[in-house]
PDB file of N, CA and C in Angstrom:
ATOM      1  N   UNK A   1       0.845  -1.188   0.000  1.00  0.00           N
ATOM      2  CA  UNK A   1       0.000   0.000   0.000  1.00  0.00           C
ATOM      3  C   UNK A   1       0.880   1.237   0.000  1.00  0.00           C
ATOM      4  N   UNK A   2       0.520   2.238  -0.782  1.00  0.00           N
ATOM      5  CA  UNK A   2       1.350   3.437  -0.871  1.00  0.00           C
ATOM      6  C   UNK A   2       1.143   4.338   0.334  1.00  0.00           C
ATOM      7  N   UNK A   3       2.206   5.074   0.625  1.00  0.00           N
ATOM      8  CA  UNK A   3       2.189   6.000   1.757  1.00  0.00           C
ATOM      9  C   UNK A   3       1.381   7.239   1.394  1.00  0.00           C
ATOM     10  N   UNK A   4       0.618   7.771   2.351  1.00  0.00           N
ATOM     11  CA  UNK A   4      -0.181   8.971   2.103  1.00  0.00           C
ATOM     12  C   UNK A   4       0.745  10.160   1.890  1.00  0.00           C
ATOM     13  N   UNK A   5       0.385  11.020   0.985  1.00  0.00           N
ATOM     14  CA  UNK A   5       1.175  12.196   0.652  1.00  0.00           C
ATOM     15  C   UNK A   5       0.414  13.436   1.084  1.00  0.00           C
ATOM     16  N   UNK A   6       1.120  14.347   1.726  1.00  0.00           N
ATOM     17  CA  UNK A   6       0.484  15.593   2.163  1.00  0.00           C
ATOM     18  C   UNK A   6       0.240  16.502   0.968  1.00  0.00           C
ATOM     19  N   UNK A   7      -0.821  17.264   1.040  1.00  0.00           N
ATOM     20  CA  UNK A   7      -1.134  18.232  -0.016  1.00  0.00           C
ATOM     21  C   UNK A   7      -0.110  19.365   0.005  1.00  0.00           C
ATOM     22  N   UNK A   8       0.108  19.952  -1.154  1.00  0.00           N
ATOM     23  CA  UNK A   8       1.010  21.102  -1.239  1.00  0.00           C
ATOM     24  C   UNK A   8       0.396  22.294  -0.520  1.00  0.00           C
ATOM     25  N   UNK A   9       1.222  23.033   0.190  1.00  0.00           N
ATOM     26  CA  UNK A   9       0.774  24.228   0.886  1.00  0.00           C
ATOM     27  C   UNK A   9       1.521  25.443   0.383  1.00  0.00           C
ATOM     28  N   UNK A  10       1.209  26.621   0.901  1.00  0.00           N
ATOM     29  CA  UNK A  10       1.828  27.861   0.433  1.00  0.00           C
ATOM     30  C   UNK A  10       3.358  27.867   0.503  1.00  0.00           C
ATOM     31  N   UNK A  11       3.947  27.149   1.453  1.00  0.00           N
ATOM     32  CA  UNK A  11       5.405  27.129   1.593  1.00  0.00           C
ATOM     33  C   UNK A  11       6.064  25.950   0.881  1.00  0.00           C
ATOM     34  N   UNK A  12       5.267  25.133   0.196  1.00  0.00           N
ATOM     35  CA  UNK A  12       5.828  24.045  -0.604  1.00  0.00           C
ATOM     36  C   UNK A  12       6.657  24.626  -1.736  1.00  0.00           C
ATOM     37  N   UNK A  13       7.702  23.898  -2.128  1.00  0.00           N
ATOM     38  CA  UNK A  13       8.565  24.321  -3.227  1.00  0.00           C
ATOM     39  C   UNK A  13       8.495  23.272  -4.330  1.00  0.00           C
ATOM     40  N   UNK A  14       7.501  23.380  -5.218  1.00  0.00           N
ATOM     41  CA  UNK A  14       7.301  22.351  -6.235  1.00  0.00           C
ATOM     42  C   UNK A  14       8.393  22.346  -7.304  1.00  0.00           C
ATOM     43  N   UNK A  15       8.703  21.134  -7.775  1.00  0.00           N
ATOM     44  CA  UNK A  15       9.692  20.967  -8.845  1.00  0.00           C
ATOM     45  C   UNK A  15       9.396  19.673  -9.587  1.00  0.00           C
ATOM     46  N   UNK A  16       9.841  19.628 -10.821  1.00  0.00           N
ATOM     47  CA  UNK A  16       9.747  18.397 -11.589  1.00  0.00           C
ATOM     48  C   UNK A  16      10.894  17.496 -11.142  1.00  0.00           C
ATOM     49  N   UNK A  17      10.619  16.213 -10.912  1.00  0.00           N
ATOM     50  CA  UNK A  17      11.716  15.289 -10.594  1.00  0.00           C
ATOM     51  C   UNK A  17      12.680  15.204 -11.780  1.00  0.00           C
ATOM     52  N   UNK A  18      13.878  14.696 -11.555  1.00  0.00           N
ATOM     53  CA  UNK A  18      14.888  14.590 -12.618  1.00  0.00           C
ATOM     54  C   UNK A  18      14.379  13.837 -13.839  1.00  0.00           C
ATOM     55  N   UNK A  19      13.554  12.849 -13.632  1.00  0.00           N
ATOM     56  CA  UNK A  19      13.099  12.006 -14.736  1.00  0.00           C
ATOM     57  C   UNK A  19      11.882  12.567 -15.477  1.00  0.00           C
ATOM     58  N   UNK A  20      11.408  13.738 -15.088  1.00  0.00           N
ATOM     59  CA  UNK A  20      10.272  14.382 -15.763  1.00  0.00           C
ATOM     60  C   UNK A  20      10.780  15.652 -16.446  1.00  0.00           C
ATOM     61  N   UNK A  21      10.422  15.816 -17.708  1.00  0.00           N
ATOM     62  CA  UNK A  21      10.877  16.967 -18.486  1.00  0.00           C
ATOM     63  C   UNK A  21       9.691  17.696 -19.112  1.00  0.00           C
ATOM     64  N   UNK A  22       9.715  19.014 -19.034  1.00  0.00           N
ATOM     65  CA  UNK A  22       8.745  19.856 -19.730  1.00  0.00           C
ATOM     66  C   UNK A  22       9.422  20.295 -21.018  1.00  0.00           C
ATOM     67  N   UNK A  23       8.864  19.896 -22.147  1.00  0.00           N
ATOM     68  CA  UNK A  23       9.475  20.181 -23.448  1.00  0.00           C
ATOM     69  C   UNK A  23       8.437  20.714 -24.426  1.00  0.00           C
ATOM     70  N   UNK A  24       8.897  21.588 -25.308  1.00  0.00           N
ATOM     71  CA  UNK A  24       8.026  22.069 -26.379  1.00  0.00           C
ATOM     72  C   UNK A  24       8.245  21.182 -27.597  1.00  0.00           C
ATOM     73  N   UNK A  25       7.171  20.591 -28.087  1.00  0.00           N
ATOM     74  CA  UNK A  25       7.213  19.755 -29.290  1.00  0.00           C
ATOM     75  C   UNK A  25       6.978  20.680 -30.482  1.00  0.00           C
ATOM     76  N   UNK A  26       8.062  21.053 -31.137  1.00  0.00           N
ATOM     77  CA  UNK A  26       7.967  22.006 -32.253  1.00  0.00           C
ATOM     78  C   UNK A  26       7.127  21.467 -33.399  1.00  0.00           C
ATOM     79  N   UNK A  27       7.244  20.173 -33.670  1.00  0.00           N
ATOM     80  CA  UNK A  27       6.507  19.586 -34.794  1.00  0.00           C
ATOM     81  C   UNK A  27       4.999  19.731 -34.615  1.00  0.00           C
ATOM     82  N   UNK A  28       4.525  19.573 -33.390  1.00  0.00           N
ATOM     83  CA  UNK A  28       3.086  19.664 -33.112  1.00  0.00           C
ATOM     84  C   UNK A  28       2.670  21.027 -32.568  1.00  0.00           C
ATOM     85  N   UNK A  29       3.656  21.819 -32.170  1.00  0.00           N
ATOM     86  CA  UNK A  29       3.357  23.140 -31.622  1.00  0.00           C
ATOM     87  C   UNK A  29       2.700  23.083 -30.254  1.00  0.00           C
ATOM     88  N   UNK A  30       3.056  22.061 -29.451  1.00  0.00           N
ATOM     89  CA  UNK A  30       2.475  21.911 -28.116  1.00  0.00           C
ATOM     90  C   UNK A  30       3.576  21.643 -27.089  1.00  0.00           C
ATOM     91  N   UNK A  31       3.248  21.902 -25.836  1.00  0.00           N
ATOM     92  CA  UNK A  31       4.128  21.552 -24.728  1.00  0.00           C
ATOM     93  C   UNK A  31       3.737  20.168 -24.233  1.00  0.00           C
ATOM     94  N   UNK A  32       4.737  19.395 -23.813  1.00  0.00           N
ATOM     95  CA  UNK A  32       4.482  18.065 -23.265  1.00  0.00           C
ATOM     96  C   UNK A  32       5.280  17.892 -21.986  1.00  0.00           C
ATOM     97  N   UNK A  33       4.730  17.119 -21.093  1.00  0.00           N
ATOM     98  CA  UNK A  33       5.396  16.737 -19.860  1.00  0.00           C
ATOM     99  C   UNK A  33       5.758  15.270 -20.037  1.00  0.00           C
ATOM    100  N   UNK A  34       7.056  14.983 -20.099  1.00  0.00           N
ATOM    101  CA  UNK A  34       7.533  13.635 -20.390  1.00  0.00           C
ATOM    102  C   UNK A  34       8.052  12.957 -19.137  1.00  0.00           C
ATOM    103  N   UNK A  35       7.593  11.749 -18.905  1.00  0.00           N
ATOM    104  CA  UNK A  35       8.074  10.908 -17.815  1.00  0.00           C
ATOM    105  C   UNK A  35       8.261   9.518 -18.412  1.00  0.00           C
ATOM    106  N   UNK A  36       9.018   8.657 -17.747  1.00  0.00           N
ATOM    107  CA  UNK A  36       9.195   7.316 -18.301  1.00  0.00           C
ATOM    108  C   UNK A  36       7.848   6.651 -18.613  1.00  0.00           C
ATOM    109  N   UNK A  37       7.679   6.291 -19.866  1.00  0.00           N
ATOM    110  CA  UNK A  37       6.494   5.593 -20.364  1.00  0.00           C
ATOM    111  C   UNK A  37       5.191   6.374 -20.219  1.00  0.00           C
ATOM    112  N   UNK A  38       5.296   7.696 -20.000  1.00  0.00           N
ATOM    113  CA  UNK A  38       4.098   8.526 -19.874  1.00  0.00           C
ATOM    114  C   UNK A  38       4.326   9.880 -20.523  1.00  0.00           C
ATOM    115  N   UNK A  39       3.270  10.396 -21.114  1.00  0.00           N
ATOM    116  CA  UNK A  39       3.306  11.736 -21.700  1.00  0.00           C
ATOM    117  C   UNK A  39       2.021  12.440 -21.300  1.00  0.00           C
ATOM    118  N   UNK A  40       2.159  13.667 -20.865  1.00  0.00           N
ATOM    119  CA  UNK A  40       0.998  14.481 -20.499  1.00  0.00           C
ATOM    120  C   UNK A  40       1.068  15.760 -21.326  1.00  0.00           C
ATOM    121  N   UNK A  41      -0.073  16.192 -21.841  1.00  0.00           N
ATOM    122  CA  UNK A  41      -0.137  17.436 -22.620  1.00  0.00           C
ATOM    123  C   UNK A  41      -0.853  18.482 -21.758  1.00  0.00           C
ATOM    124  N   UNK A  42      -0.067  19.324 -21.058  1.00  0.00           N
ATOM    125  CA  UNK A  42      -0.687  20.344 -20.207  1.00  0.00           C
ATOM    126  C   UNK A  42      -1.265  21.479 -21.041  1.00  0.00           C
ATOM    127  N   UNK A  43      -2.298  22.112 -20.503  1.00  0.00           N
ATOM    128  CA  UNK A  43      -2.857  23.266 -21.210  1.00  0.00           C
ATOM    129  C   UNK A  43      -1.926  24.472 -21.005  1.00  0.00           C
ATOM    130  N   UNK A  44      -2.230  25.554 -21.695  1.00  0.00           N
ATOM    131  CA  UNK A  44      -1.384  26.746 -21.687  1.00  0.00           C
ATOM    132  C   UNK A  44      -1.172  27.303 -20.281  1.00  0.00           C
ATOM    133  N   UNK A  45      -2.211  27.301 -19.483  1.00  0.00           N
ATOM    134  CA  UNK A  45      -2.113  27.804 -18.108  1.00  0.00           C
ATOM    135  C   UNK A  45      -1.185  26.919 -17.280  1.00  0.00           C
ATOM    136  N   UNK A  46      -1.344  25.604 -17.399  1.00  0.00           N
ATOM    137  CA  UNK A  46      -0.494  24.675 -16.651  1.00  0.00           C
ATOM    138  C   UNK A  46       0.970  24.841 -17.036  1.00  0.00           C
ATOM    139  N   UNK A  47       1.239  25.069 -18.310  1.00  0.00           N
ATOM    140  CA  UNK A  47       2.618  25.269 -18.765  1.00  0.00           C
ATOM    141  C   UNK A  47       3.225  26.486 -18.066  1.00  0.00           C
ATOM    142  N   UNK A  48       2.474  27.579 -17.987  1.00  0.00           N
ATOM    143  CA  UNK A  48       2.984  28.790 -17.327  1.00  0.00           C
ATOM    144  C   UNK A  48       3.298  28.520 -15.858  1.00  0.00           C
ATOM    145  N   UNK A  49       2.483  27.725 -15.199  1.00  0.00           N
ATOM    146  CA  UNK A  49       2.733  27.373 -13.797  1.00  0.00           C
ATOM    147  C   UNK A  49       3.955  26.468 -13.699  1.00  0.00           C
ATOM    148  N   UNK A  50       4.018  25.445 -14.539  1.00  0.00           N
ATOM    149  CA  UNK A  50       5.121  24.485 -14.485  1.00  0.00           C
ATOM    150  C   UNK A  50       6.471  25.136 -14.750  1.00  0.00           C
ATOM    151  N   UNK A  51       6.501  26.145 -15.585  1.00  0.00           N
ATOM    152  CA  UNK A  51       7.754  26.855 -15.857  1.00  0.00           C
ATOM    153  C   UNK A  51       8.306  27.519 -14.598  1.00  0.00           C
ATOM    154  N   UNK A  52       7.446  27.813 -13.635  1.00  0.00           N
ATOM    155  CA  UNK A  52       7.857  28.466 -12.393  1.00  0.00           C
ATOM    156  C   UNK A  52       8.197  27.473 -11.280  1.00  0.00           C
ATOM    157  N   UNK A  53       7.972  26.198 -11.521  1.00  0.00           N
ATOM    158  CA  UNK A  53       8.221  25.164 -10.503  1.00  0.00           C
ATOM    159  C   UNK A  53       9.688  24.742 -10.563  1.00  0.00           C
ATOM    160  N   UNK A  54      10.539  25.508  -9.879  1.00  0.00           N
ATOM    161  CA  UNK A  54      11.974  25.277  -9.942  1.00  0.00           C
ATOM    162  C   UNK A  54      12.553  24.630  -8.686  1.00  0.00           C
ATOM    163  N   UNK A  55      11.722  24.344  -7.701  1.00  0.00           N
ATOM    164  CA  UNK A  55      12.199  23.723  -6.468  1.00  0.00           C
ATOM    165  C   UNK A  55      12.714  24.720  -5.442  1.00  0.00           C
ATOM    166  N   UNK A  56      12.894  25.969  -5.840  1.00  0.00           N
ATOM    167  CA  UNK A  56      13.360  27.013  -4.923  1.00  0.00           C
ATOM    168  C   UNK A  56      12.242  27.990  -4.587  1.00  0.00           C
ATOM    169  N   UNK A  57      11.355  28.208  -5.545  1.00  0.00           N
ATOM    170  CA  UNK A  57      10.258  29.160  -5.383  1.00  0.00           C
ATOM    171  C   UNK A  57       9.081  28.489  -4.694  1.00  0.00           C
ATOM    172  N   UNK A  58       8.532  29.141  -3.681  1.00  0.00           N
ATOM    173  CA  UNK A  58       7.393  28.557  -2.968  1.00  0.00           C
ATOM    174  C   UNK A  58       6.114  28.700  -3.793  1.00  0.00           C
ATOM    175  N   UNK A  59       5.149  27.894  -3.442  1.00  0.00           N
ATOM    176  CA  UNK A  59       3.854  27.958  -4.109  1.00  0.00           C
ATOM    177  C   UNK A  59       3.248  29.355  -3.937  1.00  0.00           C
ATOM    178  N   UNK A  60       3.409  29.932  -2.769  1.00  0.00           N
ATOM    179  CA  UNK A  60       2.897  31.280  -2.512  1.00  0.00           C
ATOM    180  C   UNK A  60       3.581  32.306  -3.424  1.00  0.00           C
ATOM    181  N   UNK A  61       4.890  32.173  -3.626  1.00  0.00           N
ATOM    182  CA  UNK A  61       5.620  33.090  -4.509  1.00  0.00           C
ATOM    183  C   UNK A  61       5.194  32.909  -5.967  1.00  0.00           C
ATOM    184  N   UNK A  62       4.940  31.663  -6.366  1.00  0.00           N
ATOM    185  CA  UNK A  62       4.456  31.392  -7.727  1.00  0.00           C
ATOM    186  C   UNK A  62       3.101  32.066  -7.925  1.00  0.00           C
ATOM    187  N   UNK A  63       2.215  31.916  -6.946  1.00  0.00           N
ATOM    188  CA  UNK A  63       0.885  32.535  -7.034  1.00  0.00           C
ATOM    189  C   UNK A  63       0.997  34.051  -7.114  1.00  0.00           C
ATOM    190  N   UNK A  64       1.897  34.627  -6.334  1.00  0.00           N
ATOM    191  CA  UNK A  64       2.080  36.089  -6.352  1.00  0.00           C
ATOM    192  C   UNK A  64       2.588  36.554  -7.716  1.00  0.00           C
ATOM    193  N   UNK A  65       3.528  35.812  -8.298  1.00  0.00           N
ATOM    194  CA  UNK A  65       4.065  36.178  -9.614  1.00  0.00           C
ATOM    195  C   UNK A  65       2.971  36.103 -10.682  1.00  0.00           C
ATOM    196  N   UNK A  66       2.168  35.060 -10.632  1.00  0.00           N
ATOM    197  CA  UNK A  66       1.086  34.912 -11.604  1.00  0.00           C
ATOM    198  C   UNK A  66       0.007  35.972 -11.398  1.00  0.00           C
ATOM    199  N   UNK A  67      -0.260  36.322 -10.141  1.00  0.00           N
ATOM    200  CA  UNK A  67      -1.254  37.361  -9.849  1.00  0.00           C
ATOM    201  C   UNK A  67      -0.816  38.698 -10.440  1.00  0.00           C
ATOM    202  N   UNK A  68       0.481  39.004 -10.324  1.00  0.00           N
ATOM    203  CA  UNK A  68       1.004  40.242 -10.923  1.00  0.00           C
ATOM    204  C   UNK A  68       0.924  40.174 -12.449  1.00  0.00           C
ATOM    205  N   UNK A  69       1.331  39.045 -13.009  1.00  0.00           N
ATOM    206  CA  UNK A  69       1.360  38.900 -14.471  1.00  0.00           C
ATOM    207  C   UNK A  69      -0.025  39.013 -15.090  1.00  0.00           C
ATOM    208  N   UNK A  70      -1.023  38.414 -14.435  1.00  0.00           N
ATOM    209  CA  UNK A  70      -2.366  38.363 -15.006  1.00  0.00           C
ATOM    210  C   UNK A  70      -3.363  39.288 -14.323  1.00  0.00           C
ATOM    211  N   UNK A  71      -2.879  40.114 -13.377  1.00  0.00           N
ATOM    212  CA  UNK A  71      -3.739  41.039 -12.641  1.00  0.00           C
ATOM    213  C   UNK A  71      -4.980  40.314 -12.100  1.00  0.00           C
ATOM    214  N   UNK A  72      -4.713  39.261 -11.342  1.00  0.00           N
ATOM    215  CA  UNK A  72      -5.777  38.417 -10.779  1.00  0.00           C
ATOM    216  C   UNK A  72      -5.545  38.261  -9.273  1.00  0.00           C
ATOM    217  N   UNK A  73      -6.577  37.867  -8.534  1.00  0.00           N
ATOM    218  CA  UNK A  73      -6.434  37.701  -7.074  1.00  0.00           C
ATOM    219  C   UNK A  73      -5.487  36.547  -6.719  1.00  0.00           C
ATOM    220  N   UNK A  74      -4.463  36.860  -5.918  1.00  0.00           N
ATOM    221  CA  UNK A  74      -3.466  35.859  -5.529  1.00  0.00           C
ATOM    222  C   UNK A  74      -4.095  34.663  -4.837  1.00  0.00           C
ATOM    223  N   UNK A  75      -5.045  34.895  -3.962  1.00  0.00           N
ATOM    224  CA  UNK A  75      -5.663  33.788  -3.213  1.00  0.00           C
ATOM    225  C   UNK A  75      -6.359  32.804  -4.149  1.00  0.00           C
ATOM    226  N   UNK A  76      -7.043  33.317  -5.148  1.00  0.00           N
ATOM    227  CA  UNK A  76      -7.728  32.445  -6.107  1.00  0.00           C
ATOM    228  C   UNK A  76      -6.722  31.653  -6.930  1.00  0.00           C
ATOM    229  N   UNK A  77      -5.650  32.324  -7.339  1.00  0.00           N
ATOM    230  CA  UNK A  77      -4.612  31.633  -8.103  1.00  0.00           C
ATOM    231  C   UNK A  77      -3.966  30.550  -7.256  1.00  0.00           C
ATOM    232  N   UNK A  78      -3.657  30.869  -6.014  1.00  0.00           N
ATOM    233  CA  UNK A  78      -3.035  29.891  -5.112  1.00  0.00           C
ATOM    234  C   UNK A  78      -3.909  28.653  -4.974  1.00  0.00           C
ATOM    235  N   UNK A  79      -5.196  28.842  -4.790  1.00  0.00           N
ATOM    236  CA  UNK A  79      -6.124  27.711  -4.661  1.00  0.00           C
ATOM    237  C   UNK A  79      -6.124  26.867  -5.927  1.00  0.00           C
ATOM    238  N   UNK A  80      -6.192  27.513  -7.076  1.00  0.00           N
ATOM    239  CA  UNK A  80      -6.250  26.790  -8.353  1.00  0.00           C
ATOM    240  C   UNK A  80      -4.960  26.042  -8.656  1.00  0.00           C
ATOM    241  N   UNK A  81      -3.814  26.713  -8.472  1.00  0.00           N
ATOM    242  CA  UNK A  81      -2.571  26.030  -8.825  1.00  0.00           C
ATOM    243  C   UNK A  81      -2.202  24.951  -7.817  1.00  0.00           C
ATOM    244  N   UNK A  82      -2.586  25.131  -6.552  1.00  0.00           N
ATOM    245  CA  UNK A  82      -2.324  24.089  -5.558  1.00  0.00           C
ATOM    246  C   UNK A  82      -3.077  22.812  -5.932  1.00  0.00           C
ATOM    247  N   UNK A  83      -4.318  22.934  -6.359  1.00  0.00           N
ATOM    248  CA  UNK A  83      -5.103  21.764  -6.764  1.00  0.00           C
ATOM    249  C   UNK A  83      -4.482  21.092  -7.985  1.00  0.00           C
ATOM    250  N   UNK A  84      -4.079  21.889  -8.971  1.00  0.00           N
ATOM    251  CA  UNK A  84      -3.475  21.330 -10.181  1.00  0.00           C
ATOM    252  C   UNK A  84      -2.162  20.622  -9.857  1.00  0.00           C
ATOM    253  N   UNK A  85      -1.305  21.259  -9.064  1.00  0.00           N
ATOM    254  CA  UNK A  85      -0.012  20.680  -8.738  1.00  0.00           C
ATOM    255  C   UNK A  85      -0.147  19.470  -7.822  1.00  0.00           C
ATOM    256  N   UNK A  86      -1.129  19.475  -6.928  1.00  0.00           N
ATOM    257  CA  UNK A  86      -1.408  18.291  -6.102  1.00  0.00           C
ATOM    258  C   UNK A  86      -1.729  17.090  -6.992  1.00  0.00           C
ATOM    259  N   UNK A  87      -2.536  17.328  -8.025  1.00  0.00           N
ATOM    260  CA  UNK A  87      -2.902  16.260  -8.950  1.00  0.00           C
ATOM    261  C   UNK A  87      -1.668  15.735  -9.680  1.00  0.00           C
ATOM    262  N   UNK A  88      -0.815  16.636 -10.140  1.00  0.00           N
ATOM    263  CA  UNK A  88       0.408  16.209 -10.823  1.00  0.00           C
ATOM    264  C   UNK A  88       1.348  15.463  -9.878  1.00  0.00           C
ATOM    265  N   UNK A  89       1.428  15.912  -8.627  1.00  0.00           N
ATOM    266  CA  UNK A  89       2.272  15.228  -7.645  1.00  0.00           C
ATOM    267  C   UNK A  89       1.753  13.817  -7.371  1.00  0.00           C
ATOM    268  N   UNK A  90       0.444  13.679  -7.273  1.00  0.00           N
ATOM    269  CA  UNK A  90      -0.150  12.356  -7.020  1.00  0.00           C
ATOM    270  C   UNK A  90       0.144  11.396  -8.168  1.00  0.00           C
ATOM    271  N   UNK A  91       0.315  11.936  -9.382  1.00  0.00           N
ATOM    272  CA  UNK A  91       0.602  11.109 -10.554  1.00  0.00           C
ATOM    273  C   UNK A  91       2.101  10.914 -10.774  1.00  0.00           C
ATOM    274  N   UNK A  92       2.927  11.515  -9.918  1.00  0.00           N
ATOM    275  CA  UNK A  92       4.369  11.348 -10.013  1.00  0.00           C
ATOM    276  C   UNK A  92       5.077  12.317 -10.939  1.00  0.00           C
ATOM    277  N   UNK A  93       4.382  13.347 -11.425  1.00  0.00           N
ATOM    278  CA  UNK A  93       4.986  14.318 -12.329  1.00  0.00           C
ATOM    279  C   UNK A  93       5.622  15.497 -11.596  1.00  0.00           C
ATOM    280  N   UNK A  94       5.471  15.576 -10.273  1.00  0.00           N
ATOM    281  CA  UNK A  94       5.936  16.729  -9.521  1.00  0.00           C
ATOM    282  C   UNK A  94       6.291  16.285  -8.113  1.00  0.00           C
ATOM    283  N   UNK A  95       7.212  16.999  -7.482  1.00  0.00           N
ATOM    284  CA  UNK A  95       7.518  16.717  -6.066  1.00  0.00           C
ATOM    285  C   UNK A  95       7.695  18.015  -5.309  1.00  0.00           C
ATOM    286  N   UNK A  96       7.578  17.933  -4.005  1.00  0.00           N
ATOM    287  CA  UNK A  96       7.737  19.089  -3.125  1.00  0.00           C
ATOM    288  C   UNK A  96       9.158  19.050  -2.577  1.00  0.00           C
ATOM    289  N   UNK A  97       9.989  19.990  -3.013  1.00  0.00           N
ATOM    290  CA  UNK A  97      11.387  20.016  -2.577  1.00  0.00           C
ATOM    291  C   UNK A  97      11.540  20.432  -1.126  1.00  0.00           C
ATOM    292  N   UNK A  98      10.507  21.026  -0.533  1.00  0.00           N
ATOM    293  CA  UNK A  98      10.600  21.392   0.881  1.00  0.00           C
ATOM    294  C   UNK A  98      10.548  20.145   1.752  1.00  0.00           C
ATOM    295  N   UNK A  99      10.089  19.025   1.194  1.00  0.00           N
ATOM    296  CA  UNK A  99      10.051  17.757   1.930  1.00  0.00           C
ATOM    297  C   UNK A  99      11.276  16.895   1.654  1.00  0.00           C
ATOM    298  N   UNK A 100      12.116  17.303   0.702  1.00  0.00           N
ATOM    299  CA  UNK A 100      13.304  16.514   0.341  1.00  0.00           C
ATOM    300  C   UNK A 100      14.316  16.553   1.480  1.00  0.00           C
ATOM    301  N   UNK A 101      14.917  15.412   1.694  1.00  0.00           N
ATOM    302  CA  UNK A 101      15.914  15.380   2.772  1.00  0.00           C
ATOM    303  C   UNK A 101      17.313  15.531   2.255  1.00  0.00           C
TER     304      UNK A 101
END
């Protein structure tokens, strides 16, 4: 049985694991998230969020940057991106570097 994983919070530092790559597929004109034996096609909004997931920047800082860029409420952005990133983490496409030892 798998171990329960905590949800990402404002101080989480999301990052793609070494084996997951965000790449632009020039031939198709789309972004893809590549993992061993898996491919995910994120939408445009998800790509903008994933580009900011560097393992050093907190989720709260990512939300603040996006709020400035899109002139939107930070709290709403934080709620939306936390849910999206939680889903990606549950699928193994993302990890919280604040939990790394």
